Amino acid sequence: MNSFRHFAIIVAAGKGLRMQSNKKKQYLKLDKIPVLTRTIKKFESHGKINDIILVLPGDDRQFCKEHLIDPFNFKTSIHLVNGGVTRQESVFYGLEKACELSPSFDKTIVLIHDGVRPFIDKSLIDDCIGKAIVNGGCIPAVKITDTIKKVMGEKISKTLDRELLFAAQTPQVFRLDLVLKAFEHARATSFCGTDDASIMEHAGLPVSITQGSLTNIKLTTPEDLSLAHYLLNTL
């Protein structure tokens, strides 16, 4: 594992409209520290992350540098990259930056993470890295416990087998050469995935899972923000 380089690609280029805030959700503060800064801290403190690639709205780069990065004296190199129109495009730009930094694509692991998941922990990162090195790709996921209904209009059309269903989280972790191949295949076939693992799947490349964490929440709605304040005071 020591022969691999590890790059965290933190994606924070979205608008966050569902948060119903006049400020983008990645810049909202949890106990005086911006959400995105807390996420960066998790990867910097991990110990194995060589570089952090931060994918942002182009107009926000200077703001993020001045308010989310410089005041916190990060020691790990942080590279700012402009995001795209879609998350998939933003991740691809992050991968391109990883290619610039990597001396050997097949010896580089990329950890693609949502900027608004600030409660990721070290052990989960370790699990994903370990399985990605062995299998080529790994994501954290939690088993669905509720009964899930497929609905057409206002009517239930089918009850899905929850024993086969998992909710995907991030970081989604891959060998750089494989995920780059998958994203290039997606471009060539005009495929739009709902997450990075689906792009790997579309290219026929293997992705394993590891047990995710119920506290590894993605801050999307005002209710999520309330839960985040609770977790901050209890974890």
C-alpha atoms as a PDB file:
ATOM      1  CA  MET A   1       0.000   0.000   0.000  1.00  0.00           C
ATOM      2  CA  ASN A   2       2.909   2.346   0.625  1.00  0.00           C
ATOM      3  CA  SER A   3       3.846   2.237  -3.070  1.00  0.00           C
ATOM      4  CA  PHE A   4       0.626   4.008  -3.995  1.00  0.00           C
ATOM      5  CA  ARG A   5       0.015   7.750  -4.041  1.00  0.00           C
ATOM      6  CA  HIS A   6      -3.352   8.947  -2.760  1.00  0.00           C
ATOM      7  CA  PHE A   7      -5.203  12.000  -4.063  1.00  0.00           C
ATOM      8  CA  ALA A   8      -8.453  13.244  -2.553  1.00  0.00           C
ATOM      9  CA  ILE A   9     -10.745  14.884  -5.103  1.00  0.00           C
ATOM     10  CA  ILE A  10     -13.262  16.905  -3.110  1.00  0.00           C
ATOM     11  CA  VAL A  11     -16.178  18.003  -5.270  1.00  0.00           C
ATOM     12  CA  ALA A  12     -17.842  21.237  -4.171  1.00  0.00           C
ATOM     13  CA  ALA A  13     -19.000  22.824  -7.408  1.00  0.00           C
ATOM     14  CA  GLY A  14     -22.748  22.513  -6.859  1.00  0.00           C
ATOM     15  CA  LYS A  15     -25.285  25.249  -6.129  1.00  0.00           C
ATOM     16  CA  GLY A  16     -27.071  23.443  -3.285  1.00  0.00           C
ATOM     17  CA  LEU A  17     -30.554  24.752  -4.102  1.00  0.00           C
ATOM     18  CA  ARG A  18     -32.312  22.267  -1.801  1.00  0.00           C
ATOM     19  CA  MET A  19     -30.609  23.810   1.225  1.00  0.00           C
ATOM     20  CA  GLN A  20     -32.854  26.880   0.756  1.00  0.00           C
ATOM     21  CA  SER A  21     -30.061  29.206   1.820  1.00  0.00           C
ATOM     22  CA  ASN A  22     -28.691  32.395   0.279  1.00  0.00           C
ATOM     23  CA  LYS A  23     -25.234  30.907   0.785  1.00  0.00           C
ATOM     24  CA  LYS A  24     -24.001  27.734  -0.942  1.00  0.00           C
ATOM     25  CA  LYS A  25     -24.233  24.782   1.412  1.00  0.00           C
ATOM     26  CA  GLN A  26     -20.510  23.994   1.249  1.00  0.00           C
ATOM     27  CA  TYR A  27     -19.768  27.438   2.715  1.00  0.00           C
ATOM     28  CA  LEU A  28     -22.263  27.297   5.585  1.00  0.00           C
ATOM     29  CA  LYS A  29     -20.622  27.149   9.004  1.00  0.00           C
ATOM     30  CA  LEU A  30     -20.729  24.428  11.626  1.00  0.00           C
ATOM     31  CA  ASP A  31     -19.521  25.876  14.905  1.00  0.00           C
ATOM     32  CA  LYS A  32     -17.731  28.760  13.122  1.00  0.00           C
ATOM     33  CA  ILE A  33     -15.925  26.512  10.621  1.00  0.00           C
ATOM     34  CA  PRO A  34     -17.235  26.167   7.034  1.00  0.00           C
ATOM     35  CA  VAL A  35     -18.569  22.750   6.056  1.00  0.00           C
ATOM     36  CA  LEU A  36     -16.094  22.441   3.190  1.00  0.00           C
ATOM     37  CA  THR A  37     -13.168  23.332   5.433  1.00  0.00           C
ATOM     38  CA  ARG A  38     -14.213  20.592   7.858  1.00  0.00           C
ATOM     39  CA  THR A  39     -14.277  18.115   4.974  1.00  0.00           C
ATOM     40  CA  ILE A  40     -10.796  19.150   3.837  1.00  0.00           C
ATOM     41  CA  LYS A  41      -9.533  18.743   7.408  1.00  0.00           C
ATOM     42  CA  LYS A  42     -10.694  15.115   7.480  1.00  0.00           C
ATOM     43  CA  PHE A  43      -8.507  14.211   4.519  1.00  0.00           C
ATOM     44  CA  GLU A  44      -5.520  16.279   5.542  1.00  0.00           C
ATOM     45  CA  SER A  45      -5.463  14.678   8.981  1.00  0.00           C
ATOM     46  CA  HIS A  46      -5.735  11.158   7.552  1.00  0.00           C
ATOM     47  CA  GLY A  47      -1.991  10.857   7.043  1.00  0.00           C
ATOM     48  CA  LYS A  48      -1.834   9.080   3.668  1.00  0.00           C
ATOM     49  CA  ILE A  49      -3.300  11.745   1.384  1.00  0.00           C
ATOM     50  CA  ASN A  50      -0.513  13.219  -0.748  1.00  0.00           C
ATOM     51  CA  ASP A  51      -2.551  15.979  -2.420  1.00  0.00           C
ATOM     52  CA  ILE A  52      -6.065  17.396  -2.215  1.00  0.00           C
ATOM     53  CA  ILE A  53      -7.811  18.503  -5.402  1.00  0.00           C
ATOM     54  CA  LEU A  54     -10.672  20.867  -4.656  1.00  0.00           C
ATOM     55  CA  VAL A  55     -13.221  21.248  -7.460  1.00  0.00           C
ATOM     56  CA  LEU A  56     -15.110  24.538  -7.136  1.00  0.00           C
ATOM     57  CA  PRO A  57     -17.345  26.930  -9.054  1.00  0.00           C
ATOM     58  CA  GLY A  58     -14.881  29.021 -11.063  1.00  0.00           C
ATOM     59  CA  ASP A  59     -16.135  32.307  -9.636  1.00  0.00           C
ATOM     60  CA  ASP A  60     -15.584  31.070  -6.060  1.00  0.00           C
ATOM     61  CA  ARG A  61     -11.898  30.203  -6.207  1.00  0.00           C
ATOM     62  CA  GLN A  62     -10.601  33.409  -4.658  1.00  0.00           C
ATOM     63  CA  PHE A  63     -13.299  33.397  -1.986  1.00  0.00           C
ATOM     64  CA  CYS A  64     -12.459  29.817  -1.022  1.00  0.00           C
ATOM     65  CA  LYS A  65      -8.749  30.510  -0.904  1.00  0.00           C
ATOM     66  CA  GLU A  66      -9.191  33.559   1.323  1.00  0.00           C
ATOM     67  CA  HIS A  67     -11.903  32.247   3.648  1.00  0.00           C
ATOM     68  CA  LEU A  68     -11.834  28.435   3.610  1.00  0.00           C
ATOM     69  CA  ILE A  69      -8.192  27.511   3.010  1.00  0.00           C
ATOM     70  CA  ASP A  70      -5.605  30.157   3.930  1.00  0.00           C
ATOM     71  CA  PRO A  71      -6.893  30.872   7.486  1.00  0.00           C
ATOM     72  CA  PHE A  72      -6.522  27.200   8.460  1.00  0.00           C
ATOM     73  CA  ASN A  73      -2.837  26.665   7.575  1.00  0.00           C
ATOM     74  CA  PHE A  74      -3.229  23.352   5.779  1.00  0.00           C
ATOM     75  CA  LYS A  75       0.046  21.486   5.299  1.00  0.00           C
ATOM     76  CA  THR A  76      -1.151  19.192   2.493  1.00  0.00           C
ATOM     77  CA  SER A  77      -0.994  20.719  -0.995  1.00  0.00           C
ATOM     78  CA  ILE A  78      -4.442  21.868  -2.117  1.00  0.00           C
ATOM     79  CA  HIS A  79      -5.043  22.376  -5.840  1.00  0.00           C
ATOM     80  CA  LEU A  80      -8.059  24.424  -6.938  1.00  0.00           C
ATOM     81  CA  VAL A  81      -9.859  23.304 -10.104  1.00  0.00           C
ATOM     82  CA  ASN A  82     -12.866  24.850 -11.842  1.00  0.00           C
ATOM     83  CA  GLY A  83     -15.957  22.668 -11.868  1.00  0.00           C
ATOM     84  CA  GLY A  84     -18.195  21.886 -14.815  1.00  0.00           C
ATOM     85  CA  VAL A  85     -21.882  22.086 -15.604  1.00  0.00           C
ATOM     86  CA  THR A  86     -22.589  18.659 -14.072  1.00  0.00           C
ATOM     87  CA  ARG A  87     -21.030  16.769 -11.186  1.00  0.00           C
ATOM     88  CA  GLN A  88     -19.711  14.182 -13.632  1.00  0.00           C
ATOM     89  CA  GLU A  89     -17.944  16.894 -15.601  1.00  0.00           C
ATOM     90  CA  SER A  90     -16.556  18.392 -12.381  1.00  0.00           C
ATOM     91  CA  VAL A  91     -15.145  15.035 -11.296  1.00  0.00           C
ATOM     92  CA  PHE A  92     -13.559  14.572 -14.720  1.00  0.00           C
ATOM     93  CA  TYR A  93     -11.749  17.906 -14.339  1.00  0.00           C
ATOM     94  CA  GLY A  94     -10.530  16.713 -10.956  1.00  0.00           C
ATOM     95  CA  LEU A  95      -9.267  13.505 -12.543  1.00  0.00           C
ATOM     96  CA  GLU A  96      -7.431  15.499 -15.187  1.00  0.00           C
ATOM     97  CA  LYS A  97      -5.625  17.371 -12.419  1.00  0.00           C
ATOM     98  CA  ALA A  98      -4.763  14.067 -10.739  1.00  0.00           C
ATOM     99  CA  CYS A  99      -3.233  12.941 -14.022  1.00  0.00           C
ATOM    100  CA  GLU A 100      -1.020  16.032 -14.047  1.00  0.00           C
ATOM    101  CA  LEU A 101       0.183  15.246 -10.516  1.00  0.00           C
ATOM    102  CA  SER A 102       0.568  11.487 -10.859  1.00  0.00           C
ATOM    103  CA  PRO A 103       3.831   9.875 -12.032  1.00  0.00           C
ATOM    104  CA  SER A 104       2.090   6.518 -12.511  1.00  0.00           C
ATOM    105  CA  PHE A 105      -1.670   6.186 -13.052  1.00  0.00           C
ATOM    106  CA  ASP A 106      -1.798   2.510 -12.043  1.00  0.00           C
ATOM    107  CA  LYS A 107      -0.047   3.347  -8.760  1.00  0.00           C
ATOM    108  CA  THR A 108      -2.352   6.224  -7.867  1.00  0.00           C
ATOM    109  CA  ILE A 109      -5.545   5.973  -5.832  1.00  0.00           C
ATOM    110  CA  VAL A 110      -8.140   8.737  -6.115  1.00  0.00           C
ATOM    111  CA  LEU A 111     -10.738   9.316  -3.407  1.00  0.00           C
ATOM    112  CA  ILE A 112     -13.716  11.193  -4.879  1.00  0.00           C
ATOM    113  CA  HIS A 113     -15.695  12.782  -2.072  1.00  0.00           C
ATOM    114  CA  ASP A 114     -18.648  15.124  -1.668  1.00  0.00           C
ATOM    115  CA  GLY A 115     -17.550  18.438  -0.193  1.00  0.00           C
ATOM    116  CA  VAL A 116     -20.644  18.430   2.021  1.00  0.00           C
ATOM    117  CA  ARG A 117     -19.900  15.145   3.807  1.00  0.00           C
ATOM    118  CA  PRO A 118     -17.810  16.517   6.700  1.00  0.00           C
ATOM    119  CA  PHE A 119     -18.210  13.521   9.037  1.00  0.00           C
ATOM    120  CA  ILE A 120     -16.188  10.962   7.087  1.00  0.00           C
ATOM    121  CA  ASP A 121     -13.822   9.107   9.420  1.00  0.00           C
ATOM    122  CA  LYS A 122     -10.318   7.694   9.056  1.00  0.00           C
ATOM    123  CA  SER A 123     -11.267   4.025   9.365  1.00  0.00           C
ATOM    124  CA  LEU A 124     -13.786   4.267   6.533  1.00  0.00           C
ATOM    125  CA  ILE A 125     -11.218   5.969   4.312  1.00  0.00           C
ATOM    126  CA  ASP A 126      -8.740   3.196   5.143  1.00  0.00           C
ATOM    127  CA  ASP A 127     -11.272   0.486   4.284  1.00  0.00           C
ATOM    128  CA  CYS A 128     -12.051   2.053   0.914  1.00  0.00           C
ATOM    129  CA  ILE A 129      -8.389   2.518   0.018  1.00  0.00           C
ATOM    130  CA  GLY A 130      -7.511  -1.050   0.939  1.00  0.00           C
ATOM    131  CA  LYS A 131     -10.286  -2.586  -1.139  1.00  0.00           C
ATOM    132  CA  ALA A 132      -9.690  -0.236  -4.078  1.00  0.00           C
ATOM    133  CA  ILE A 133      -6.061  -1.343  -4.257  1.00  0.00           C
ATOM    134  CA  VAL A 134      -7.123  -5.000  -4.351  1.00  0.00           C
ATOM    135  CA  ASN A 135     -10.241  -4.708  -6.522  1.00  0.00           C
ATOM    136  CA  GLY A 136      -9.712  -1.535  -8.545  1.00  0.00           C
ATOM    137  CA  GLY A 137     -12.585   0.334  -6.948  1.00  0.00           C
ATOM    138  CA  CYS A 138     -14.533   0.526  -3.701  1.00  0.00           C
ATOM    139  CA  ILE A 139     -17.339   2.633  -2.292  1.00  0.00           C
ATOM    140  CA  PRO A 140     -18.903   2.810   1.171  1.00  0.00           C
ATOM    141  CA  ALA A 141     -22.570   1.855   1.303  1.00  0.00           C
ATOM    142  CA  VAL A 142     -25.194   1.256   3.971  1.00  0.00           C
ATOM    143  CA  LYS A 143     -27.867  -1.397   3.777  1.00  0.00           C
ATOM    144  CA  ILE A 144     -31.419  -0.160   3.225  1.00  0.00           C
ATOM    145  CA  THR A 145     -33.601  -1.013   6.220  1.00  0.00           C
ATOM    146  CA  ASP A 146     -36.901   0.574   5.126  1.00  0.00           C
ATOM    147  CA  THR A 147     -39.255  -1.138   2.696  1.00  0.00           C
ATOM    148  CA  ILE A 148     -38.716   0.492  -0.695  1.00  0.00           C
ATOM    149  CA  LYS A 149     -41.567   1.051  -3.145  1.00  0.00           C
ATOM    150  CA  LYS A 150     -41.316   1.723  -6.860  1.00  0.00           C
ATOM    151  CA  VAL A 151     -43.991   4.292  -7.670  1.00  0.00           C
ATOM    152  CA  MET A 152     -45.555   5.282 -10.992  1.00  0.00           C
ATOM    153  CA  GLY A 153     -47.526   8.501 -10.638  1.00  0.00           C
ATOM    154  CA  GLU A 154     -49.248   8.105  -7.282  1.00  0.00           C
ATOM    155  CA  LYS A 155     -49.515   4.307  -7.392  1.00  0.00           C
ATOM    156  CA  ILE A 156     -47.132   1.641  -6.157  1.00  0.00           C
ATOM    157  CA  SER A 157     -45.995  -0.524  -9.054  1.00  0.00           C
ATOM    158  CA  LYS A 158     -43.600  -2.795  -7.169  1.00  0.00           C
ATOM    159  CA  THR A 159     -42.037  -3.492  -3.786  1.00  0.00           C
ATOM    160  CA  LEU A 160     -38.284  -3.897  -4.201  1.00  0.00           C
ATOM    161  CA  ASP A 161     -36.249  -6.541  -2.392  1.00  0.00           C
ATOM    162  CA  ARG A 162     -34.448  -4.498   0.257  1.00  0.00           C
ATOM    163  CA  GLU A 163     -32.017  -7.347   0.919  1.00  0.00           C
ATOM    164  CA  LEU A 164     -30.335  -6.392  -2.349  1.00  0.00           C
ATOM    165  CA  LEU A 165     -30.405  -2.607  -1.853  1.00  0.00           C
ATOM    166  CA  PHE A 166     -27.697  -0.343  -0.466  1.00  0.00           C
ATOM    167  CA  ALA A 167     -27.369   3.451  -0.264  1.00  0.00           C
ATOM    168  CA  ALA A 168     -24.081   4.637  -1.782  1.00  0.00           C
ATOM    169  CA  GLN A 169     -21.857   7.149  -0.005  1.00  0.00           C
ATOM    170  CA  THR A 170     -18.496   8.774  -0.643  1.00  0.00           C
ATOM    171  CA  PRO A 171     -15.513   8.685  -0.790  1.00  0.00           C
ATOM    172  CA  GLN A 172     -15.740   6.552  -3.899  1.00  0.00           C
ATOM    173  CA  VAL A 173     -12.223   5.264  -4.320  1.00  0.00           C
ATOM    174  CA  PHE A 174     -10.564   3.969  -7.491  1.00  0.00           C
ATOM    175  CA  ARG A 175      -7.272   3.288  -9.155  1.00  0.00           C
ATOM    176  CA  LEU A 176      -6.656   6.319 -11.359  1.00  0.00           C
ATOM    177  CA  ASP A 177      -6.011   4.399 -14.574  1.00  0.00           C
ATOM    178  CA  LEU A 178      -9.291   2.485 -14.255  1.00  0.00           C
ATOM    179  CA  VAL A 179     -11.575   5.374 -13.326  1.00  0.00           C
ATOM    180  CA  LEU A 180     -10.041   7.536 -16.058  1.00  0.00           C
ATOM    181  CA  LYS A 181     -10.824   4.780 -18.571  1.00  0.00           C
ATOM    182  CA  ALA A 182     -14.397   4.626 -17.267  1.00  0.00           C
ATOM    183  CA  PHE A 183     -14.952   8.391 -17.532  1.00  0.00           C
ATOM    184  CA  GLU A 184     -13.537   8.462 -21.051  1.00  0.00           C
ATOM    185  CA  HIS A 185     -15.870   5.600 -21.993  1.00  0.00           C
ATOM    186  CA  ALA A 186     -18.806   7.527 -20.508  1.00  0.00           C
ATOM    187  CA  ARG A 187     -17.909  10.532 -22.645  1.00  0.00           C
ATOM    188  CA  ALA A 188     -17.601   8.417 -25.767  1.00  0.00           C
ATOM    189  CA  THR A 189     -20.996   6.788 -25.156  1.00  0.00           C
ATOM    190  CA  SER A 190     -22.790   9.921 -23.846  1.00  0.00           C
ATOM    191  CA  PHE A 191     -23.495   8.150 -20.567  1.00  0.00           C
ATOM    192  CA  CYS A 192     -24.457  10.196 -17.503  1.00  0.00           C
ATOM    193  CA  GLY A 193     -24.060   8.327 -14.221  1.00  0.00           C
ATOM    194  CA  THR A 194     -25.666   9.119 -10.901  1.00  0.00           C
ATOM    195  CA  ASP A 195     -22.376   8.561  -9.101  1.00  0.00           C
ATOM    196  CA  ASP A 196     -18.783   7.650  -9.937  1.00  0.00           C
ATOM    197  CA  ALA A 197     -19.325   3.937  -9.309  1.00  0.00           C
ATOM    198  CA  SER A 198     -22.116   3.845 -11.900  1.00  0.00           C
ATOM    199  CA  ILE A 199     -19.635   5.173 -14.463  1.00  0.00           C
ATOM    200  CA  MET A 200     -17.258   2.343 -13.606  1.00  0.00           C
ATOM    201  CA  GLU A 201     -20.127  -0.150 -13.857  1.00  0.00           C
ATOM    202  CA  HIS A 202     -21.118   1.219 -17.266  1.00  0.00           C
ATOM    203  CA  ALA A 203     -17.581   0.541 -18.490  1.00  0.00           C
ATOM    204  CA  GLY A 204     -17.693  -3.014 -17.148  1.00  0.00           C
ATOM    205  CA  LEU A 205     -15.109  -2.336 -14.435  1.00  0.00           C
ATOM    206  CA  PRO A 206     -15.376  -3.877 -10.964  1.00  0.00           C
ATOM    207  CA  VAL A 207     -16.390  -1.929  -7.881  1.00  0.00           C
ATOM    208  CA  SER A 208     -16.621  -3.488  -4.437  1.00  0.00           C
ATOM    209  CA  ILE A 209     -18.369  -2.067  -1.384  1.00  0.00           C
ATOM    210  CA  THR A 210     -17.437  -1.678   2.236  1.00  0.00           C
ATOM    211  CA  GLN A 211     -19.694  -0.946   5.170  1.00  0.00           C
ATOM    212  CA  GLY A 212     -20.549   2.752   5.220  1.00  0.00           C
ATOM    213  CA  SER A 213     -21.461   4.868   8.218  1.00  0.00           C
ATOM    214  CA  LEU A 214     -24.830   6.294   9.209  1.00  0.00           C
ATOM    215  CA  THR A 215     -23.036   9.427  10.405  1.00  0.00           C
ATOM    216  CA  ASN A 216     -21.364   9.977   7.006  1.00  0.00           C
ATOM    217  CA  ILE A 217     -24.266  12.188   5.990  1.00  0.00           C
ATOM    218  CA  LYS A 218     -24.474  14.467   2.964  1.00  0.00           C
ATOM    219  CA  LEU A 219     -25.737  17.942   3.839  1.00  0.00           C
ATOM    220  CA  THR A 220     -28.481  18.621   1.314  1.00  0.00           C
ATOM    221  CA  THR A 221     -31.496  20.045   3.170  1.00  0.00           C
ATOM    222  CA  PRO A 222     -32.040  22.310   6.223  1.00  0.00           C
ATOM    223  CA  GLU A 223     -32.908  19.170   8.197  1.00  0.00           C
ATOM    224  CA  ASP A 224     -29.480  17.722   7.349  1.00  0.00           C
ATOM    225  CA  LEU A 225     -27.854  20.874   8.701  1.00  0.00           C
ATOM    226  CA  SER A 226     -29.719  20.479  11.993  1.00  0.00           C
ATOM    227  CA  LEU A 227     -28.536  16.861  12.209  1.00  0.00           C
ATOM    228  CA  ALA A 228     -24.975  18.011  11.466  1.00  0.00           C
ATOM    229  CA  HIS A 229     -25.029  20.405  14.428  1.00  0.00           C
ATOM    230  CA  TYR A 230     -26.238  17.522  16.598  1.00  0.00           C
ATOM    231  CA  LEU A 231     -23.499  15.174  15.342  1.00  0.00           C
ATOM    232  CA  LEU A 232     -20.869  17.840  15.872  1.00  0.00           C
ATOM    233  CA  ASN A 233     -21.741  17.944  19.557  1.00  0.00           C
ATOM    234  CA  THR A 234     -22.055  14.183  20.082  1.00  0.00           C
ATOM    235  CA  LEU A 235     -19.358  12.436  17.995  1.00  0.00           C
END
